[in-house]
Every structure is written in structure tokens, then in C-alpha cells.
């Protein structure tokens, strides 16, 4: 799954914070602190990041450009 542009529940734009969130996680910051740092305060927006499974690498072999 690719991170959605907006939260499914409240409609807040969240996709622009994904790279910053991943960088903080890679630096060793805890997930709850990283979510606070990027400004995701609503629990519905936070679950969009916590529940995200990055499947882009598994989908790429099936794209039209890859063939």
C-alpha cells in the first residue's frame, strides 16, 4: 500500500509527513515520539501511519513500465 494522501476518517492531509516520519524512525526515535514530532496528533491520523504496510516493492514488478 502506498501511504494515502488524506486520512480516511477525518480527511486531514498526511502524506507530506511520511518521509520525515520514516527518517525519524530510522534515527531510532520511538514511533509515538516520531508521530508527535511530525505533528500527527489525532488518533485516526496516527493509525494511518502505524497500520501502514509498505508494499510498493512487491507491486513494482507488475507495473506496466516494468515489463
PDB file of N, CA and C in Angstrom:
ATOM      1  N   UNK A   1       0.837  -1.174   0.000  1.00  0.00           N
ATOM      2  CA  UNK A   1       0.000   0.000   0.000  1.00  0.00           C
ATOM      3  C   UNK A   1       0.878   1.232   0.000  1.00  0.00           C
ATOM      4  N   UNK A   2       0.500   2.199  -0.760  1.00  0.00           N
ATOM      5  CA  UNK A   2       1.175   3.493  -0.764  1.00  0.00           C
ATOM      6  C   UNK A   2       0.440   4.385   0.227  1.00  0.00           C
ATOM      7  N   UNK A   3       1.172   5.171   0.993  1.00  0.00           N
ATOM      8  CA  UNK A   3       0.548   5.990   2.024  1.00  0.00           C
ATOM      9  C   UNK A   3      -0.520   6.886   1.396  1.00  0.00           C
ATOM     10  N   UNK A   4      -1.715   6.886   1.937  1.00  0.00           N
ATOM     11  CA  UNK A   4      -2.793   7.718   1.372  1.00  0.00           C
ATOM     12  C   UNK A   4      -2.504   9.209   1.528  1.00  0.00           C
ATOM     13  N   UNK A   5      -3.032  10.007   0.638  1.00  0.00           N
ATOM     14  CA  UNK A   5      -2.856  11.464   0.703  1.00  0.00           C
ATOM     15  C   UNK A   5      -3.553  12.022   1.935  1.00  0.00           C
ATOM     16  N   UNK A   6      -4.762  11.561   2.181  1.00  0.00           N
ATOM     17  CA  UNK A   6      -5.559  12.051   3.304  1.00  0.00           C
ATOM     18  C   UNK A   6      -5.921  10.916   4.256  1.00  0.00           C
ATOM     19  N   UNK A   7      -6.156  11.295   5.500  1.00  0.00           N
ATOM     20  CA  UNK A   7      -6.644  10.341   6.496  1.00  0.00           C
ATOM     21  C   UNK A   7      -8.029   9.876   6.069  1.00  0.00           C
ATOM     22  N   UNK A   8      -8.283   8.578   6.174  1.00  0.00           N
ATOM     23  CA  UNK A   8      -9.576   8.032   5.765  1.00  0.00           C
ATOM     24  C   UNK A   8     -10.713   8.537   6.636  1.00  0.00           C
ATOM     25  N   UNK A   9     -10.450   8.843   7.893  1.00  0.00           N
ATOM     26  CA  UNK A   9     -11.510   9.235   8.822  1.00  0.00           C
ATOM     27  C   UNK A   9     -11.801  10.729   8.824  1.00  0.00           C
ATOM     28  N   UNK A  10     -10.777  11.542   9.005  1.00  0.00           N
ATOM     29  CA  UNK A  10     -11.008  12.988   9.172  1.00  0.00           C
ATOM     30  C   UNK A  10     -10.691  13.812   7.936  1.00  0.00           C
ATOM     31  N   UNK A  11      -9.955  13.257   6.985  1.00  0.00           N
ATOM     32  CA  UNK A  11      -9.653  13.976   5.755  1.00  0.00           C
ATOM     33  C   UNK A  11      -8.451  14.901   5.815  1.00  0.00           C
ATOM     34  N   UNK A  12      -7.716  14.879   6.909  1.00  0.00           N
ATOM     35  CA  UNK A  12      -6.521  15.714   7.034  1.00  0.00           C
ATOM     36  C   UNK A  12      -5.434  15.212   6.084  1.00  0.00           C
ATOM     37  N   UNK A  13      -4.737  16.144   5.437  1.00  0.00           N
ATOM     38  CA  UNK A  13      -3.632  15.773   4.554  1.00  0.00           C
ATOM     39  C   UNK A  13      -2.479  15.266   5.417  1.00  0.00           C
ATOM     40  N   UNK A  14      -2.021  14.032   5.125  1.00  0.00           N
ATOM     41  CA  UNK A  14      -0.981  13.415   5.956  1.00  0.00           C
ATOM     42  C   UNK A  14       0.221  12.913   5.157  1.00  0.00           C
ATOM     43  N   UNK A  15       0.093  12.777   3.843  1.00  0.00           N
ATOM     44  CA  UNK A  15       1.133  12.125   3.043  1.00  0.00           C
ATOM     45  C   UNK A  15       2.455  12.892   3.036  1.00  0.00           C
ATOM     46  N   UNK A  16       2.407  14.212   3.147  1.00  0.00           N
ATOM     47  CA  UNK A  16       3.632  15.005   3.068  1.00  0.00           C
ATOM     48  C   UNK A  16       4.548  14.807   4.278  1.00  0.00           C
ATOM     49  N   UNK A  17       4.053  14.170   5.313  1.00  0.00           N
ATOM     50  CA  UNK A  17       4.846  13.948   6.521  1.00  0.00           C
ATOM     51  C   UNK A  17       5.491  12.562   6.560  1.00  0.00           C
ATOM     52  N   UNK A  18       5.220  11.730   5.571  1.00  0.00           N
ATOM     53  CA  UNK A  18       5.675  10.334   5.572  1.00  0.00           C
ATOM     54  C   UNK A  18       7.196  10.214   5.567  1.00  0.00           C
ATOM     55  N   UNK A  19       7.878  10.971   4.702  1.00  0.00           N
ATOM     56  CA  UNK A  19       9.345  10.882   4.632  1.00  0.00           C
ATOM     57  C   UNK A  19       9.998  11.328   5.940  1.00  0.00           C
ATOM     58  N   UNK A  20       9.488  12.407   6.507  1.00  0.00           N
ATOM     59  CA  UNK A  20      10.034  12.884   7.779  1.00  0.00           C
ATOM     60  C   UNK A  20       9.821  11.840   8.881  1.00  0.00           C
ATOM     61  N   UNK A  21       8.666  11.211   8.896  1.00  0.00           N
ATOM     62  CA  UNK A  21       8.368  10.155   9.866  1.00  0.00           C
ATOM     63  C   UNK A  21       9.340   8.986   9.706  1.00  0.00           C
ATOM     64  N   UNK A  22       9.558   8.534   8.473  1.00  0.00           N
ATOM     65  CA  UNK A  22      10.482   7.425   8.233  1.00  0.00           C
ATOM     66  C   UNK A  22      11.907   7.772   8.633  1.00  0.00           C
ATOM     67  N   UNK A  23      12.325   9.012   8.386  1.00  0.00           N
ATOM     68  CA  UNK A  23      13.672   9.439   8.781  1.00  0.00           C
ATOM     69  C   UNK A  23      13.834   9.393  10.294  1.00  0.00           C
ATOM     70  N   UNK A  24      12.814   9.825  11.024  1.00  0.00           N
ATOM     71  CA  UNK A  24      12.886   9.805  12.484  1.00  0.00           C
ATOM     72  C   UNK A  24      12.929   8.379  13.016  1.00  0.00           C
ATOM     73  N   UNK A  25      12.176   7.492  12.405  1.00  0.00           N
ATOM     74  CA  UNK A  25      12.197   6.078  12.811  1.00  0.00           C
ATOM     75  C   UNK A  25      13.571   5.474  12.528  1.00  0.00           C
ATOM     76  N   UNK A  26      14.161   5.822  11.379  1.00  0.00           N
ATOM     77  CA  UNK A  26      15.487   5.308  11.025  1.00  0.00           C
ATOM     78  C   UNK A  26      16.559   5.821  11.990  1.00  0.00           C
ATOM     79  N   UNK A  27      16.355   7.012  12.545  1.00  0.00           N
ATOM     80  CA  UNK A  27      17.307   7.568  13.511  1.00  0.00           C
ATOM     81  C   UNK A  27      17.193   6.908  14.877  1.00  0.00           C
ATOM     82  N   UNK A  28      16.134   6.128  15.078  1.00  0.00           N
ATOM     83  CA  UNK A  28      15.971   5.432  16.342  1.00  0.00           C
ATOM     84  C   UNK A  28      14.942   6.041  17.271  1.00  0.00           C
ATOM     85  N   UNK A  29      14.205   7.030  16.794  1.00  0.00           N
ATOM     86  CA  UNK A  29      13.155   7.641  17.601  1.00  0.00           C
ATOM     87  C   UNK A  29      12.006   6.655  17.755  1.00  0.00           C
ATOM     88  N   UNK A  30      11.375   6.635  18.904  1.00  0.00           N
ATOM     89  CA  UNK A  30      10.226   5.750  19.105  1.00  0.00           C
ATOM     90  C   UNK A  30       9.066   6.205  18.215  1.00  0.00           C
ATOM     91  N   UNK A  31       8.178   5.286  17.907  1.00  0.00           N
ATOM     92  CA  UNK A  31       7.078   5.582  16.989  1.00  0.00           C
ATOM     93  C   UNK A  31       6.185   6.684  17.547  1.00  0.00           C
ATOM     94  N   UNK A  32       5.846   6.612  18.832  1.00  0.00           N
ATOM     95  CA  UNK A  32       4.966   7.636  19.388  1.00  0.00           C
ATOM     96  C   UNK A  32       5.624   9.010  19.398  1.00  0.00           C
ATOM     97  N   UNK A  33       6.915   9.074  19.658  1.00  0.00           N
ATOM     98  CA  UNK A  33       7.611  10.357  19.631  1.00  0.00           C
ATOM     99  C   UNK A  33       7.742  10.872  18.201  1.00  0.00           C
ATOM    100  N   UNK A  34       7.985   9.991  17.245  1.00  0.00           N
ATOM    101  CA  UNK A  34       8.089  10.401  15.840  1.00  0.00           C
ATOM    102  C   UNK A  34       6.760  10.954  15.344  1.00  0.00           C
ATOM    103  N   UNK A  35       5.653  10.335  15.740  1.00  0.00           N
ATOM    104  CA  UNK A  35       4.334  10.839  15.353  1.00  0.00           C
ATOM    105  C   UNK A  35       4.082  12.216  15.952  1.00  0.00           C
ATOM    106  N   UNK A  36       4.493  12.411  17.203  1.00  0.00           N
ATOM    107  CA  UNK A  36       4.367  13.731  17.824  1.00  0.00           C
ATOM    108  C   UNK A  36       5.224  14.761  17.107  1.00  0.00           C
ATOM    109  N   UNK A  37       6.449  14.377  16.760  1.00  0.00           N
ATOM    110  CA  UNK A  37       7.384  15.304  16.114  1.00  0.00           C
ATOM    111  C   UNK A  37       6.903  15.771  14.743  1.00  0.00           C
ATOM    112  N   UNK A  38       6.265  14.886  13.984  1.00  0.00           N
ATOM    113  CA  UNK A  38       5.797  15.288  12.651  1.00  0.00           C
ATOM    114  C   UNK A  38       4.445  15.984  12.703  1.00  0.00           C
ATOM    115  N   UNK A  39       3.816  16.006  13.871  1.00  0.00           N
ATOM    116  CA  UNK A  39       2.588  16.770  14.039  1.00  0.00           C
ATOM    117  C   UNK A  39       1.298  15.988  13.862  1.00  0.00           C
ATOM    118  N   UNK A  40       1.365  14.681  13.971  1.00  0.00           N
ATOM    119  CA  UNK A  40       0.145  13.881  13.879  1.00  0.00           C
ATOM    120  C   UNK A  40      -0.389  13.667  15.284  1.00  0.00           C
ATOM    121  N   UNK A  41      -1.468  14.367  15.620  1.00  0.00           N
ATOM    122  CA  UNK A  41      -1.999  14.305  16.975  1.00  0.00           C
ATOM    123  C   UNK A  41      -3.286  13.507  17.072  1.00  0.00           C
ATOM    124  N   UNK A  42      -4.078  13.503  16.017  1.00  0.00           N
ATOM    125  CA  UNK A  42      -5.334  12.756  16.058  1.00  0.00           C
ATOM    126  C   UNK A  42      -5.061  11.270  15.953  1.00  0.00           C
ATOM    127  N   UNK A  43      -5.800  10.487  16.721  1.00  0.00           N
ATOM    128  CA  UNK A  43      -5.562   9.048  16.721  1.00  0.00           C
ATOM    129  C   UNK A  43      -5.899   8.424  15.379  1.00  0.00           C
ATOM    130  N   UNK A  44      -6.845   9.013  14.631  1.00  0.00           N
ATOM    131  CA  UNK A  44      -7.182   8.438  13.332  1.00  0.00           C
ATOM    132  C   UNK A  44      -6.031   8.630  12.337  1.00  0.00           C
ATOM    133  N   UNK A  45      -5.364   9.770  12.401  1.00  0.00           N
ATOM    134  CA  UNK A  45      -4.217  10.030  11.521  1.00  0.00           C
ATOM    135  C   UNK A  45      -3.021   9.182  11.935  1.00  0.00           C
ATOM    136  N   UNK A  46      -2.836   9.017  13.221  1.00  0.00           N
ATOM    137  CA  UNK A  46      -1.730   8.217  13.735  1.00  0.00           C
ATOM    138  C   UNK A  46      -1.859   6.760  13.307  1.00  0.00           C
ATOM    139  N   UNK A  47      -3.088   6.245  13.298  1.00  0.00           N
ATOM    140  CA  UNK A  47      -3.278   4.843  12.904  1.00  0.00           C
ATOM    141  C   UNK A  47      -2.981   4.646  11.433  1.00  0.00           C
ATOM    142  N   UNK A  48      -3.126   5.692  10.609  1.00  0.00           N
ATOM    143  CA  UNK A  48      -2.803   5.580   9.194  1.00  0.00           C
ATOM    144  C   UNK A  48      -1.308   5.282   9.023  1.00  0.00           C
ATOM    145  N   UNK A  49      -0.485   5.844   9.883  1.00  0.00           N
ATOM    146  CA  UNK A  49       0.956   5.605   9.801  1.00  0.00           C
ATOM    147  C   UNK A  49       1.357   4.306  10.492  1.00  0.00           C
ATOM    148  N   UNK A  50       0.796   4.058  11.669  1.00  0.00           N
ATOM    149  CA  UNK A  50       1.162   2.875  12.439  1.00  0.00           C
ATOM    150  C   UNK A  50       0.705   1.604  11.721  1.00  0.00           C
ATOM    151  N   UNK A  51      -0.462   1.663  11.091  1.00  0.00           N
ATOM    152  CA  UNK A  51      -1.000   0.487  10.419  1.00  0.00           C
ATOM    153  C   UNK A  51      -0.557   0.323   8.983  1.00  0.00           C
ATOM    154  N   UNK A  52       0.295   1.206   8.490  1.00  0.00           N
ATOM    155  CA  UNK A  52       0.734   1.168   7.100  1.00  0.00           C
ATOM    156  C   UNK A  52       1.747   0.046   6.863  1.00  0.00           C
ATOM    157  N   UNK A  53       1.533  -0.698   5.816  1.00  0.00           N
ATOM    158  CA  UNK A  53       2.484  -1.729   5.386  1.00  0.00           C
ATOM    159  C   UNK A  53       2.973  -1.331   4.003  1.00  0.00           C
ATOM    160  N   UNK A  54       4.267  -1.139   3.855  1.00  0.00           N
ATOM    161  CA  UNK A  54       4.832  -0.656   2.600  1.00  0.00           C
ATOM    162  C   UNK A  54       4.981  -1.813   1.612  1.00  0.00           C
ATOM    163  N   UNK A  55       4.113  -1.846   0.617  1.00  0.00           N
ATOM    164  CA  UNK A  55       4.101  -2.926  -0.366  1.00  0.00           C
ATOM    165  C   UNK A  55       4.584  -2.489  -1.748  1.00  0.00           C
ATOM    166  N   UNK A  56       5.116  -1.302  -1.877  1.00  0.00           N
ATOM    167  CA  UNK A  56       5.487  -0.777  -3.189  1.00  0.00           C
ATOM    168  C   UNK A  56       6.520  -1.663  -3.880  1.00  0.00           C
ATOM    169  N   UNK A  57       7.467  -2.216  -3.139  1.00  0.00           N
ATOM    170  CA  UNK A  57       8.490  -3.067  -3.743  1.00  0.00           C
ATOM    171  C   UNK A  57       7.891  -4.364  -4.276  1.00  0.00           C
ATOM    172  N   UNK A  58       6.809  -4.818  -3.689  1.00  0.00           N
ATOM    173  CA  UNK A  58       6.148  -6.029  -4.168  1.00  0.00           C
ATOM    174  C   UNK A  58       5.245  -5.754  -5.367  1.00  0.00           C
ATOM    175  N   UNK A  59       4.787  -4.518  -5.522  1.00  0.00           N
ATOM    176  CA  UNK A  59       3.878  -4.152  -6.608  1.00  0.00           C
ATOM    177  C   UNK A  59       4.630  -3.774  -7.880  1.00  0.00           C
ATOM    178  N   UNK A  60       5.820  -3.221  -7.757  1.00  0.00           N
ATOM    179  CA  UNK A  60       6.582  -2.721  -8.902  1.00  0.00           C
ATOM    180  C   UNK A  60       6.779  -3.765 -10.014  1.00  0.00           C
ATOM    181  N   UNK A  61       7.070  -5.017  -9.710  1.00  0.00           N
ATOM    182  CA  UNK A  61       7.253  -5.978 -10.809  1.00  0.00           C
ATOM    183  C   UNK A  61       6.021  -6.149 -11.703  1.00  0.00           C
ATOM    184  N   UNK A  62       4.861  -5.775 -11.235  1.00  0.00           N
ATOM    185  CA  UNK A  62       3.629  -5.933 -12.007  1.00  0.00           C
ATOM    186  C   UNK A  62       3.195  -4.660 -12.712  1.00  0.00           C
ATOM    187  N   UNK A  63       3.982  -3.598 -12.617  1.00  0.00           N
ATOM    188  CA  UNK A  63       3.609  -2.339 -13.277  1.00  0.00           C
ATOM    189  C   UNK A  63       3.836  -2.438 -14.787  1.00  0.00           C
ATOM    190  N   UNK A  64       3.134  -1.603 -15.517  1.00  0.00           N
ATOM    191  CA  UNK A  64       3.206  -1.621 -16.986  1.00  0.00           C
ATOM    192  C   UNK A  64       4.592  -1.177 -17.480  1.00  0.00           C
ATOM    193  N   UNK A  65       5.244  -0.269 -16.768  1.00  0.00           N
ATOM    194  CA  UNK A  65       6.547   0.239 -17.179  1.00  0.00           C
ATOM    195  C   UNK A  65       7.653  -0.786 -16.953  1.00  0.00           C
ATOM    196  N   UNK A  66       7.456  -1.704 -16.049  1.00  0.00           N
ATOM    197  CA  UNK A  66       8.476  -2.686 -15.699  1.00  0.00           C
ATOM    198  C   UNK A  66       8.596  -3.796 -16.720  1.00  0.00           C
ATOM    199  N   UNK A  67       7.548  -4.020 -17.506  1.00  0.00           N
ATOM    200  CA  UNK A  67       7.534  -5.138 -18.464  1.00  0.00           C
ATOM    201  C   UNK A  67       8.382  -4.910 -19.656  1.00  0.00           C
TER     202      UNK A  67
END
